[in-house]
Amino acid sequence: MITGFCWKKNRALDTMNHDHHHEDKRVEGQSKLSEGEKLGKLLEYWIKHNEEHAKTYLEWAKKADGEGLKDVVSLLEEASELTMSVNRLFEKAIEGL
C-alpha cells in the first residue's frame, strides 16, 4: 500500500484517506449568511488550504531533489504551480461575488 506522511500528527497514513477535511463546517453552521457570503468564506478558506498544500509540495520537492529525483522534483513543482493557478481562479470568483 502507498503511504504518505501526515505533518499534523507526525505519522504515516494511507494516502487514499486524507488526514483533514475539505469543507469548512463553520460556514455551514452560519445560517444568517447569504449563499453568496457563505461562498465567499468558503473560497477564502479554499485559497488558504491550497496555499498550505502548495507549500508542502515544494517542501517535498526539495527532499526529492536531495535524493536525486529530478523528474519527481519537476512534477511536484508543477503541482504547486497548478494549485496556485486554482487559487487565482478562486480569487476571480471572489471578485465576482
Protein backbone atom coordinates (compact mmCIF):
# COMPACT_ATOMS: atom_id res chain seq x y z
CA MET A 1 0.00 0.00 0.00
CA ILE A 2 1.21 3.52 -0.78
CA THR A 3 1.72 5.66 2.30
CA GLY A 4 2.37 9.33 2.83
CA PHE A 5 3.28 11.47 5.77
CA CYS A 6 0.93 13.49 7.91
CA TRP A 7 2.58 16.68 9.17
CA LYS A 8 -0.07 17.38 11.80
CA LYS A 9 0.10 14.05 13.56
CA ASN A 10 3.67 13.21 12.59
CA ARG A 11 2.78 9.71 11.47
CA ALA A 12 2.43 7.65 8.32
CA LEU A 13 -1.01 7.44 6.76
CA ASP A 14 -2.86 5.80 3.95
CA THR A 15 -2.81 8.38 1.13
CA MET A 16 -6.21 7.23 -0.04
CA ASN A 17 -7.60 8.69 3.21
CA HIS A 18 -6.85 12.40 3.56
CA ASP A 19 -5.93 13.50 7.07
CA HIS A 20 -8.04 16.64 7.03
CA HIS A 21 -11.42 17.78 5.83
CA HIS A 22 -12.05 19.84 2.73
CA GLU A 23 -15.16 21.57 3.97
CA ASP A 24 -15.30 24.37 6.46
CA LYS A 25 -18.05 23.24 8.83
CA ARG A 26 -18.06 26.68 10.46
CA VAL A 27 -19.59 28.16 7.31
CA GLU A 28 -22.35 25.57 7.13
CA GLY A 29 -23.49 26.50 10.64
CA GLN A 30 -23.76 30.20 9.90
CA SER A 31 -27.37 30.29 8.74
CA LYS A 32 -27.58 34.09 8.91
CA LEU A 33 -25.20 34.43 5.97
CA SER A 34 -26.49 34.56 2.41
CA GLU A 35 -25.36 31.85 0.00
CA GLY A 36 -23.02 34.41 -1.62
CA GLU A 37 -21.47 35.27 1.74
CA LYS A 38 -21.02 31.59 2.57
CA LEU A 39 -19.41 31.02 -0.82
CA GLY A 40 -17.03 33.94 -0.24
CA LYS A 41 -15.95 32.46 3.09
CA LEU A 42 -15.50 29.03 1.52
CA LEU A 43 -13.41 30.47 -1.31
CA GLU A 44 -11.19 32.26 1.20
CA TYR A 45 -10.80 29.01 3.16
CA TRP A 46 -10.01 27.02 0.00
CA ILE A 47 -7.35 29.56 -1.01
CA LYS A 48 -5.58 29.23 2.34
CA HIS A 49 -5.95 25.45 2.26
CA ASN A 50 -4.46 25.27 -1.24
CA GLU A 51 -1.56 27.51 -0.22
CA GLU A 52 -0.73 25.02 2.53
CA HIS A 53 -0.80 22.16 0.03
CA ALA A 54 1.36 24.05 -2.48
CA LYS A 55 3.92 24.78 0.24
CA THR A 56 4.03 21.10 1.20
CA TYR A 57 4.56 20.08 -2.43
CA LEU A 58 7.57 22.39 -2.62
CA GLU A 59 8.97 21.09 0.67
CA TRP A 60 8.78 17.55 -0.70
CA ALA A 61 10.29 18.69 -4.00
CA LYS A 62 13.35 19.86 -2.05
CA LYS A 63 13.56 16.48 -0.33
CA ALA A 64 13.19 14.69 -3.65
CA ASP A 65 15.95 16.87 -5.07
CA GLY A 66 18.21 15.75 -2.25
CA GLU A 67 17.55 12.18 -3.35
CA GLY A 68 18.38 12.99 -6.96
CA LEU A 69 14.77 12.50 -8.13
CA LYS A 70 14.79 15.26 -10.76
CA ASP A 71 11.61 14.09 -12.53
CA VAL A 72 9.74 13.99 -9.24
CA VAL A 73 11.02 17.46 -8.35
CA SER A 74 9.67 18.82 -11.61
CA LEU A 75 6.28 17.19 -11.13
CA LEU A 76 5.90 18.42 -7.54
CA GLU A 77 6.86 21.94 -8.57
CA GLU A 78 4.29 21.79 -11.36
CA ALA A 79 1.65 20.53 -8.92
CA SER A 80 2.41 23.50 -6.68
CA GLU A 81 2.09 25.91 -9.62
CA LEU A 82 -1.20 24.35 -10.73
CA THR A 83 -2.56 24.57 -7.20
CA MET A 84 -1.75 28.27 -7.14
CA SER A 85 -3.44 28.63 -10.55
CA VAL A 86 -6.61 27.26 -8.98
CA ASN A 87 -6.27 29.91 -6.28
CA ARG A 88 -6.16 32.63 -8.93
CA LEU A 89 -9.49 31.31 -10.23
CA PHE A 90 -10.90 31.36 -6.70
CA GLU A 91 -9.69 34.97 -6.30
CA LYS A 92 -11.51 35.93 -9.52
CA ALA A 93 -14.62 34.18 -8.21
CA ILE A 94 -14.44 36.25 -5.02
CA GLU A 95 -14.25 39.41 -7.15
CA GLY A 96 -17.45 38.30 -8.88
CA LEU A 97 -19.41 38.00 -5.66
